[in-house]
Amino acid sequence: MPPSRLPFLLTAAMLSAFMPGAARALRLEKTAIPKAQDIPRATLGWDKIADVKEIEVKVKNGTRLRAVFGPKVQGMAGQSLTLGGYIIPLEQTERSTHFLLSALAPSCPFCPPPGAADVVEVRTTEPVTVTYDMVVVTGTVRLTPDDENCLYYHLDGAKPQTKG
């Protein structure tokens, strides 16, 4: 091989080694659709209640969903739990003592709708300011596997945690 071709071959080898990865990354950036597990979500406490499955059960007028909780989640009933999440207001007021708390930010138009383990009905002892920011509350867990609205988790007597 002539010595004048060696730099060319080395350059060609380096380009072929690095370009496919860059090309793949560029293609992924343009075409990748985020998957549910890739979307940022609040994490404080949600892992403790994640073990739930929904099954269809027959009722008088057809079928509906019922929650089947794992053993660790069943053990949470009546216990204190701290959750960080995003408020989904149930009333049109600036402050509320009754709202839903979601692991997913409700203001994200590209996020999938929350699942059974991503929403908790909260009743607080004092009003909480409705905000788009994450809030943290601590309350007593109540489980309702047969809730007709599929609100299987509740935090009763919850207290908002102050920032700081």
N, C-alpha and C. Protein backbone atom coordinates (compact mmCIF):
# COMPACT_ATOMS: atom_id res chain seq x y z
N MET A 1 0.86 -1.16 0.00
CA MET A 1 0.00 0.00 0.00
C MET A 1 0.90 1.23 0.00
N PRO A 2 0.61 2.16 -0.89
CA PRO A 2 1.42 3.38 -0.93
C PRO A 2 1.21 4.19 0.35
N PRO A 3 2.28 4.80 0.89
CA PRO A 3 2.16 5.57 2.12
C PRO A 3 1.22 6.75 2.01
N SER A 4 1.00 7.29 0.82
CA SER A 4 0.11 8.44 0.66
C SER A 4 -1.35 8.07 0.91
N ARG A 5 -1.69 6.78 0.80
CA ARG A 5 -3.09 6.35 1.00
C ARG A 5 -3.39 6.07 2.47
N LEU A 6 -2.39 5.90 3.31
CA LEU A 6 -2.61 5.57 4.71
C LEU A 6 -3.43 6.62 5.46
N PRO A 7 -3.14 7.94 5.33
CA PRO A 7 -3.98 8.92 6.02
C PRO A 7 -5.43 8.88 5.55
N PHE A 8 -5.62 8.64 4.26
CA PHE A 8 -6.97 8.58 3.71
C PHE A 8 -7.73 7.41 4.32
N LEU A 9 -7.09 6.24 4.39
CA LEU A 9 -7.74 5.06 4.95
C LEU A 9 -8.04 5.23 6.44
N LEU A 10 -7.11 5.83 7.17
CA LEU A 10 -7.36 6.08 8.59
C LEU A 10 -8.52 7.04 8.79
N THR A 11 -8.57 8.08 7.96
CA THR A 11 -9.68 9.04 8.05
C THR A 11 -11.00 8.35 7.70
N ALA A 12 -11.01 7.54 6.67
CA ALA A 12 -12.23 6.83 6.27
C ALA A 12 -12.69 5.88 7.37
N ALA A 13 -11.74 5.17 7.99
CA ALA A 13 -12.10 4.26 9.08
C ALA A 13 -12.67 5.01 10.27
N MET A 14 -12.09 6.15 10.62
CA MET A 14 -12.59 6.94 11.73
C MET A 14 -13.99 7.47 11.44
N LEU A 15 -14.20 7.96 10.23
CA LEU A 15 -15.53 8.49 9.88
C LEU A 15 -16.59 7.40 9.92
N SER A 16 -16.26 6.23 9.37
CA SER A 16 -17.26 5.16 9.37
C SER A 16 -17.54 4.67 10.78
N ALA A 17 -16.53 4.75 11.65
CA ALA A 17 -16.74 4.33 13.04
C ALA A 17 -17.62 5.30 13.81
N PHE A 18 -17.47 6.60 13.54
CA PHE A 18 -18.21 7.60 14.31
C PHE A 18 -19.50 8.06 13.65
N MET A 19 -19.58 8.06 12.37
CA MET A 19 -20.77 8.58 11.68
C MET A 19 -22.03 7.74 11.90
N PRO A 20 -21.96 6.40 11.88
CA PRO A 20 -23.22 5.66 12.07
C PRO A 20 -23.90 5.99 13.39
N GLY A 21 -23.12 6.12 14.45
CA GLY A 21 -23.71 6.47 15.75
C GLY A 21 -24.35 7.83 15.72
N ALA A 22 -23.67 8.80 15.12
CA ALA A 22 -24.22 10.14 15.02
C ALA A 22 -25.48 10.14 14.16
N ALA A 23 -25.44 9.38 13.08
CA ALA A 23 -26.62 9.30 12.21
C ALA A 23 -27.78 8.65 12.93
N ARG A 24 -27.49 7.57 13.69
CA ARG A 24 -28.57 6.92 14.45
C ARG A 24 -29.15 7.88 15.48
N ALA A 25 -28.29 8.60 16.19
CA ALA A 25 -28.76 9.55 17.20
C ALA A 25 -29.61 10.63 16.56
N LEU A 26 -29.21 11.12 15.41
CA LEU A 26 -29.96 12.16 14.71
C LEU A 26 -31.33 11.62 14.29
N ARG A 27 -31.36 10.41 13.76
CA ARG A 27 -32.64 9.82 13.35
C ARG A 27 -33.54 9.63 14.57
N LEU A 28 -33.00 9.18 15.70
CA LEU A 28 -33.80 8.99 16.90
C LEU A 28 -34.37 10.30 17.41
N GLU A 29 -33.56 11.36 17.34
CA GLU A 29 -34.04 12.65 17.80
C GLU A 29 -35.25 13.09 17.01
N LYS A 30 -35.26 12.79 15.72
CA LYS A 30 -36.35 13.26 14.86
C LYS A 30 -37.58 12.37 14.93
N THR A 31 -37.40 11.07 15.23
CA THR A 31 -38.53 10.17 15.12
C THR A 31 -38.96 9.51 16.42
N ALA A 32 -38.18 9.63 17.47
CA ALA A 32 -38.51 8.92 18.71
C ALA A 32 -39.74 9.52 19.38
N ILE A 33 -40.66 8.66 19.76
CA ILE A 33 -41.84 9.07 20.52
C ILE A 33 -41.61 8.62 21.95
N PRO A 34 -41.75 9.52 22.91
CA PRO A 34 -41.46 9.12 24.29
C PRO A 34 -42.39 8.02 24.75
N LYS A 35 -41.83 7.06 25.47
CA LYS A 35 -42.61 5.99 26.07
C LYS A 35 -43.02 6.43 27.47
N ALA A 36 -44.05 5.82 28.01
CA ALA A 36 -44.56 6.21 29.33
C ALA A 36 -43.47 6.18 30.39
N GLN A 37 -42.59 5.16 30.34
CA GLN A 37 -41.56 5.06 31.37
C GLN A 37 -40.48 6.13 31.22
N ASP A 38 -40.42 6.83 30.07
CA ASP A 38 -39.42 7.87 29.84
C ASP A 38 -39.91 9.26 30.26
N ILE A 39 -41.18 9.39 30.57
CA ILE A 39 -41.75 10.70 30.89
C ILE A 39 -41.49 11.01 32.36
N PRO A 40 -40.97 12.22 32.64
CA PRO A 40 -40.69 12.55 34.04
C PRO A 40 -41.96 12.49 34.89
N ARG A 41 -41.83 11.99 36.07
CA ARG A 41 -42.95 11.90 36.99
C ARG A 41 -42.46 12.14 38.40
N ALA A 42 -43.38 12.53 39.24
CA ALA A 42 -43.04 12.69 40.65
C ALA A 42 -42.69 11.31 41.19
N THR A 43 -41.68 11.24 42.04
CA THR A 43 -41.25 9.93 42.53
C THR A 43 -41.44 9.76 44.03
N LEU A 44 -41.63 10.83 44.77
CA LEU A 44 -41.71 10.74 46.23
C LEU A 44 -42.92 9.93 46.67
N GLY A 45 -42.69 8.70 47.11
CA GLY A 45 -43.75 7.87 47.68
C GLY A 45 -44.51 7.00 46.70
N TRP A 46 -44.49 7.30 45.43
CA TRP A 46 -45.31 6.57 44.46
C TRP A 46 -44.88 5.12 44.30
N ASP A 47 -43.61 4.84 44.50
CA ASP A 47 -43.14 3.46 44.38
C ASP A 47 -43.78 2.55 45.44
N LYS A 48 -44.20 3.12 46.56
CA LYS A 48 -44.79 2.33 47.64
C LYS A 48 -46.19 1.83 47.32
N ILE A 49 -46.86 2.48 46.36
CA ILE A 49 -48.24 2.08 46.04
C ILE A 49 -48.37 1.58 44.60
N ALA A 50 -47.25 1.29 43.95
CA ALA A 50 -47.26 0.94 42.53
C ALA A 50 -47.74 -0.49 42.26
N ASP A 51 -47.74 -1.35 43.24
CA ASP A 51 -48.08 -2.76 43.01
C ASP A 51 -49.60 -2.94 43.01
N VAL A 52 -50.22 -2.65 41.87
CA VAL A 52 -51.66 -2.81 41.71
C VAL A 52 -51.95 -3.24 40.28
N LYS A 53 -52.94 -4.10 40.14
CA LYS A 53 -53.40 -4.52 38.82
C LYS A 53 -54.90 -4.28 38.78
N GLU A 54 -55.39 -4.02 37.59
CA GLU A 54 -56.83 -3.87 37.42
C GLU A 54 -57.36 -5.09 36.69
N ILE A 55 -58.46 -5.63 37.20
CA ILE A 55 -59.11 -6.75 36.53
C ILE A 55 -60.55 -6.36 36.23
N GLU A 56 -61.12 -6.97 35.22
CA GLU A 56 -62.53 -6.73 34.90
C GLU A 56 -63.38 -7.70 35.71
N VAL A 57 -64.42 -7.16 36.32
CA VAL A 57 -65.36 -8.00 37.06
C VAL A 57 -66.76 -7.75 36.52
N LYS A 58 -67.57 -8.79 36.56
CA LYS A 58 -68.95 -8.67 36.09
C LYS A 58 -69.79 -8.00 37.15
N VAL A 59 -70.61 -7.06 36.71
CA VAL A 59 -71.58 -6.40 37.57
C VAL A 59 -72.94 -6.52 36.90
N LYS A 60 -73.96 -6.05 37.56
CA LYS A 60 -75.32 -6.19 37.07
C LYS A 60 -75.50 -5.72 35.62
N ASN A 61 -74.92 -4.57 35.29
CA ASN A 61 -75.12 -3.98 33.96
C ASN A 61 -73.93 -4.16 33.02
N GLY A 62 -73.05 -5.12 33.27
CA GLY A 62 -71.90 -5.32 32.39
C GLY A 62 -70.65 -5.65 33.18
N THR A 63 -69.57 -4.93 32.88
CA THR A 63 -68.31 -5.15 33.59
C THR A 63 -67.73 -3.82 34.03
N ARG A 64 -66.84 -3.87 35.01
CA ARG A 64 -66.10 -2.69 35.41
C ARG A 64 -64.76 -3.14 35.99
N LEU A 65 -63.91 -2.19 36.25
CA LEU A 65 -62.58 -2.51 36.75
C LEU A 65 -62.56 -2.58 38.27
N ARG A 66 -61.68 -3.45 38.76
CA ARG A 66 -61.47 -3.60 40.20
C ARG A 66 -59.97 -3.69 40.43
N ALA A 67 -59.50 -3.09 41.51
CA ALA A 67 -58.07 -3.11 41.83
C ALA A 67 -57.73 -4.36 42.62
N VAL A 68 -56.58 -4.94 42.30
CA VAL A 68 -56.02 -6.04 43.08
C VAL A 68 -54.67 -5.54 43.55
N PHE A 69 -54.56 -5.27 44.86
CA PHE A 69 -53.35 -4.72 45.44
C PHE A 69 -52.38 -5.84 45.83
N GLY A 70 -51.09 -5.57 45.65
CA GLY A 70 -50.06 -6.49 46.12
C GLY A 70 -49.99 -6.45 47.63
N PRO A 71 -49.29 -7.41 48.25
CA PRO A 71 -49.24 -7.50 49.71
C PRO A 71 -48.66 -6.26 50.39
N LYS A 72 -47.63 -5.65 49.80
CA LYS A 72 -47.03 -4.47 50.43
C LYS A 72 -48.00 -3.29 50.41
N VAL A 73 -48.75 -3.16 49.33
CA VAL A 73 -49.74 -2.08 49.24
C VAL A 73 -50.86 -2.33 50.24
N GLN A 74 -51.32 -3.56 50.35
CA GLN A 74 -52.36 -3.88 51.33
C GLN A 74 -51.90 -3.52 52.74
N GLY A 75 -50.62 -3.70 53.01
CA GLY A 75 -50.07 -3.36 54.32
C GLY A 75 -50.01 -1.86 54.58
N MET A 76 -50.15 -1.05 53.53
CA MET A 76 -50.12 0.41 53.67
C MET A 76 -51.44 0.95 54.21
N ALA A 77 -52.53 0.19 54.11
CA ALA A 77 -53.83 0.66 54.56
C ALA A 77 -53.77 1.08 56.03
N GLY A 78 -54.21 2.30 56.31
CA GLY A 78 -54.21 2.84 57.66
C GLY A 78 -52.88 3.42 58.09
N GLN A 79 -51.87 3.31 57.25
CA GLN A 79 -50.54 3.83 57.56
C GLN A 79 -50.36 5.24 57.01
N SER A 80 -49.38 5.94 57.52
CA SER A 80 -49.04 7.27 57.05
C SER A 80 -48.17 7.16 55.78
N LEU A 81 -48.45 8.01 54.81
CA LEU A 81 -47.70 8.02 53.55
C LEU A 81 -47.46 9.46 53.11
N THR A 82 -46.25 9.74 52.68
CA THR A 82 -45.92 11.05 52.12
C THR A 82 -45.78 10.90 50.62
N LEU A 83 -46.53 11.73 49.89
CA LEU A 83 -46.49 11.71 48.43
C LEU A 83 -46.19 13.11 47.90
N GLY A 84 -45.37 13.16 46.87
CA GLY A 84 -45.15 14.40 46.13
C GLY A 84 -45.80 14.24 44.77
N GLY A 85 -46.57 15.21 44.35
CA GLY A 85 -47.24 15.09 43.07
C GLY A 85 -47.84 16.41 42.63
N TYR A 86 -48.69 16.31 41.62
CA TYR A 86 -49.28 17.48 40.99
C TYR A 86 -50.79 17.50 41.22
N ILE A 87 -51.30 18.66 41.59
CA ILE A 87 -52.72 18.80 41.91
C ILE A 87 -53.57 18.79 40.65
N ILE A 88 -54.61 17.99 40.69
CA ILE A 88 -55.70 18.05 39.71
C ILE A 88 -56.90 18.54 40.50
N PRO A 89 -57.27 19.82 40.32
CA PRO A 89 -58.34 20.38 41.17
C PRO A 89 -59.70 19.76 40.86
N LEU A 90 -60.51 19.63 41.89
CA LEU A 90 -61.88 19.15 41.73
C LEU A 90 -62.88 20.29 41.87
N GLU A 91 -62.38 21.44 42.31
CA GLU A 91 -63.21 22.63 42.50
C GLU A 91 -62.52 23.80 41.81
N GLN A 92 -63.28 24.81 41.44
CA GLN A 92 -62.69 25.99 40.81
C GLN A 92 -62.41 27.05 41.87
N THR A 93 -61.46 26.76 42.73
CA THR A 93 -61.06 27.70 43.77
C THR A 93 -59.54 27.77 43.80
N GLU A 94 -59.02 28.84 44.40
CA GLU A 94 -57.57 28.99 44.50
C GLU A 94 -56.97 28.08 45.55
N ARG A 95 -57.76 27.74 46.57
CA ARG A 95 -57.29 26.86 47.63
C ARG A 95 -58.33 25.77 47.83
N SER A 96 -57.87 24.56 48.15
CA SER A 96 -58.80 23.45 48.26
C SER A 96 -58.35 22.45 49.31
N THR A 97 -59.32 21.77 49.90
CA THR A 97 -59.03 20.69 50.85
C THR A 97 -59.35 19.32 50.24
N HIS A 98 -59.82 19.31 49.00
CA HIS A 98 -60.20 18.06 48.32
C HIS A 98 -59.74 18.16 46.86
N PHE A 99 -58.81 17.29 46.49
CA PHE A 99 -58.27 17.31 45.12
C PHE A 99 -57.67 15.96 44.81
N LEU A 100 -57.30 15.77 43.57
CA LEU A 100 -56.57 14.58 43.17
C LEU A 100 -55.09 14.94 43.09
N LEU A 101 -54.25 14.01 43.45
CA LEU A 101 -52.81 14.20 43.34
C LEU A 101 -52.32 13.19 42.31
N SER A 102 -51.58 13.67 41.32
CA SER A 102 -51.12 12.81 40.23
C SER A 102 -49.60 12.74 40.21
N ALA A 103 -49.09 11.57 39.86
CA ALA A 103 -47.65 11.41 39.69
C ALA A 103 -47.19 12.12 38.42
N LEU A 104 -48.10 12.31 37.48
CA LEU A 104 -47.78 12.97 36.21
C LEU A 104 -48.30 14.40 36.23
N ALA A 105 -47.51 15.31 35.69
CA ALA A 105 -47.94 16.71 35.62
C ALA A 105 -49.13 16.82 34.66
N PRO A 106 -50.28 17.32 35.12
CA PRO A 106 -51.46 17.39 34.26
C PRO A 106 -51.34 18.45 33.17
N SER A 107 -50.34 19.30 33.26
CA SER A 107 -50.18 20.36 32.27
C SER A 107 -49.40 19.90 31.04
N CYS A 108 -48.97 18.64 30.99
CA CYS A 108 -48.19 18.12 29.86
C CYS A 108 -49.13 17.52 28.82
N PRO A 109 -49.26 18.16 27.64
CA PRO A 109 -50.19 17.64 26.63
C PRO A 109 -49.70 16.35 25.97
N PHE A 110 -48.42 16.01 26.13
CA PHE A 110 -47.87 14.82 25.49
C PHE A 110 -47.77 13.63 26.44
N CYS A 111 -48.10 13.83 27.71
CA CYS A 111 -48.02 12.75 28.69
C CYS A 111 -49.23 11.84 28.55
N PRO A 112 -49.03 10.54 28.74
CA PRO A 112 -50.18 9.64 28.71
C PRO A 112 -51.06 9.89 29.93
N PRO A 113 -52.33 9.53 29.86
CA PRO A 113 -53.17 9.72 31.04
C PRO A 113 -52.66 8.85 32.18
N PRO A 114 -52.85 9.32 33.41
CA PRO A 114 -52.37 8.55 34.55
C PRO A 114 -53.11 7.23 34.68
N GLY A 115 -52.41 6.24 35.23
CA GLY A 115 -53.02 4.94 35.47
C GLY A 115 -53.51 4.82 36.89
N ALA A 116 -53.93 3.62 37.26
CA ALA A 116 -54.52 3.39 38.58
C ALA A 116 -53.59 3.75 39.72
N ALA A 117 -52.29 3.52 39.55
CA ALA A 117 -51.34 3.79 40.63
C ALA A 117 -50.73 5.18 40.51
N ASP A 118 -51.29 6.02 39.63
CA ASP A 118 -50.74 7.36 39.42
C ASP A 118 -51.63 8.48 39.94
N VAL A 119 -52.77 8.15 40.54
CA VAL A 119 -53.70 9.17 41.04
C VAL A 119 -54.19 8.78 42.44
N VAL A 120 -54.19 9.77 43.33
CA VAL A 120 -54.67 9.57 44.70
C VAL A 120 -55.66 10.68 45.02
N GLU A 121 -56.80 10.33 45.61
CA GLU A 121 -57.74 11.34 46.08
C GLU A 121 -57.24 11.81 47.45
N VAL A 122 -57.14 13.14 47.61
CA VAL A 122 -56.58 13.71 48.83
C VAL A 122 -57.62 14.60 49.51
N ARG A 123 -57.74 14.43 50.82
CA ARG A 123 -58.54 15.34 51.66
C ARG A 123 -57.60 15.86 52.74
N THR A 124 -57.38 17.17 52.72
CA THR A 124 -56.42 17.77 53.65
C THR A 124 -57.13 18.41 54.85
N THR A 125 -56.35 18.62 55.91
CA THR A 125 -56.88 19.24 57.12
C THR A 125 -56.90 20.76 57.00
N GLU A 126 -56.15 21.29 56.05
CA GLU A 126 -56.12 22.74 55.81
C GLU A 126 -56.03 22.97 54.30
N PRO A 127 -56.57 24.08 53.81
CA PRO A 127 -56.56 24.33 52.37
C PRO A 127 -55.14 24.41 51.79
N VAL A 128 -55.01 23.87 50.59
CA VAL A 128 -53.75 23.88 49.85
C VAL A 128 -53.95 24.76 48.62
N THR A 129 -52.97 25.62 48.34
CA THR A 129 -53.04 26.48 47.15
C THR A 129 -52.87 25.62 45.90
N VAL A 130 -53.80 25.75 44.97
CA VAL A 130 -53.73 25.03 43.70
C VAL A 130 -52.61 25.65 42.87
N THR A 131 -51.67 24.81 42.42
CA THR A 131 -50.50 25.26 41.70
C THR A 131 -50.09 24.23 40.66
N TYR A 132 -49.31 24.68 39.69
CA TYR A 132 -48.75 23.74 38.71
C TYR A 132 -47.46 23.10 39.23
N ASP A 133 -46.94 23.61 40.33
CA ASP A 133 -45.73 23.06 40.92
C ASP A 133 -46.05 21.79 41.71
N MET A 134 -45.05 20.98 41.95
CA MET A 134 -45.24 19.77 42.73
C MET A 134 -45.52 20.16 44.19
N VAL A 135 -46.46 19.46 44.79
CA VAL A 135 -46.76 19.65 46.22
C VAL A 135 -46.49 18.33 46.94
N VAL A 136 -46.25 18.43 48.23
CA VAL A 136 -45.99 17.24 49.05
C VAL A 136 -47.00 17.23 50.19
N VAL A 137 -47.66 16.08 50.36
CA VAL A 137 -48.65 15.93 51.44
C VAL A 137 -48.40 14.61 52.17
N THR A 138 -48.76 14.59 53.44
CA THR A 138 -48.66 13.37 54.24
C THR A 138 -50.03 13.10 54.84
N GLY A 139 -50.52 11.88 54.66
CA GLY A 139 -51.83 11.52 55.19
C GLY A 139 -51.94 10.03 55.43
N THR A 140 -53.13 9.60 55.82
CA THR A 140 -53.40 8.20 56.12
C THR A 140 -53.98 7.51 54.88
N VAL A 141 -53.38 6.39 54.51
CA VAL A 141 -53.79 5.66 53.31
C VAL A 141 -55.09 4.90 53.56
N ARG A 142 -56.01 5.06 52.59
CA ARG A 142 -57.25 4.27 52.57
C ARG A 142 -57.35 3.67 51.18
N LEU A 143 -57.58 2.36 51.10
CA LEU A 143 -57.67 1.67 49.82
C LEU A 143 -59.13 1.33 49.52
N THR A 144 -59.54 1.56 48.28
CA THR A 144 -60.91 1.22 47.86
C THR A 144 -60.83 0.48 46.52
N PRO A 145 -60.66 -0.84 46.55
CA PRO A 145 -60.48 -1.61 45.32
C PRO A 145 -61.69 -1.63 44.40
N ASP A 146 -62.89 -1.34 44.94
CA ASP A 146 -64.11 -1.39 44.13
C ASP A 146 -64.66 -0.02 43.79
N ASP A 147 -63.87 1.02 43.86
CA ASP A 147 -64.34 2.37 43.58
C ASP A 147 -64.82 2.47 42.14
N GLU A 148 -66.05 2.94 41.93
CA GLU A 148 -66.59 3.01 40.57
C GLU A 148 -65.89 4.04 39.70
N ASN A 149 -65.18 4.99 40.30
CA ASN A 149 -64.42 5.98 39.53
C ASN A 149 -62.95 5.58 39.35
N CYS A 150 -62.60 4.38 39.78
CA CYS A 150 -61.23 3.86 39.70
C CYS A 150 -60.26 4.71 40.50
N LEU A 151 -60.75 5.33 41.57
CA LEU A 151 -59.88 6.03 42.52
C LEU A 151 -59.63 5.06 43.66
N TYR A 152 -58.60 4.26 43.50
CA TYR A 152 -58.34 3.18 44.43
C TYR A 152 -57.57 3.62 45.67
N TYR A 153 -56.88 4.76 45.56
CA TYR A 153 -56.06 5.26 46.66
C TYR A 153 -56.60 6.57 47.19
N HIS A 154 -56.58 6.73 48.52
CA HIS A 154 -57.02 7.96 49.16
C HIS A 154 -56.03 8.30 50.27
N LEU A 155 -55.79 9.60 50.44
CA LEU A 155 -55.01 10.09 51.58
C LEU A 155 -55.96 10.93 52.41
N ASP A 156 -56.31 10.45 53.58
CA ASP A 156 -57.24 11.17 54.45
C ASP A 156 -56.47 11.92 55.53
N GLY A 157 -57.05 13.06 55.96
CA GLY A 157 -56.42 13.87 57.01
C GLY A 157 -55.03 14.32 56.64
N ALA A 158 -54.82 14.57 55.35
CA ALA A 158 -53.47 14.92 54.87
C ALA A 158 -53.07 16.33 55.28
N LYS A 159 -51.80 16.48 55.51
CA LYS A 159 -51.22 17.79 55.85
C LYS A 159 -50.20 18.15 54.78
N PRO A 160 -50.28 19.37 54.26
CA PRO A 160 -49.29 19.80 53.27
C PRO A 160 -47.93 20.00 53.94
N GLN A 161 -46.87 19.62 53.26
CA GLN A 161 -45.52 19.82 53.77
C GLN A 161 -45.02 21.15 53.26
N THR A 162 -44.38 21.90 54.13
CA THR A 162 -43.87 23.21 53.73
C THR A 162 -42.53 23.03 53.03
N LYS A 163 -42.27 23.95 52.11
CA LYS A 163 -40.98 23.94 51.41
C LYS A 163 -39.91 24.48 52.34
N GLY A 164 -38.74 23.91 52.21
CA GLY A 164 -37.68 24.47 53.02
C GLY A 164 -36.66 23.54 53.47
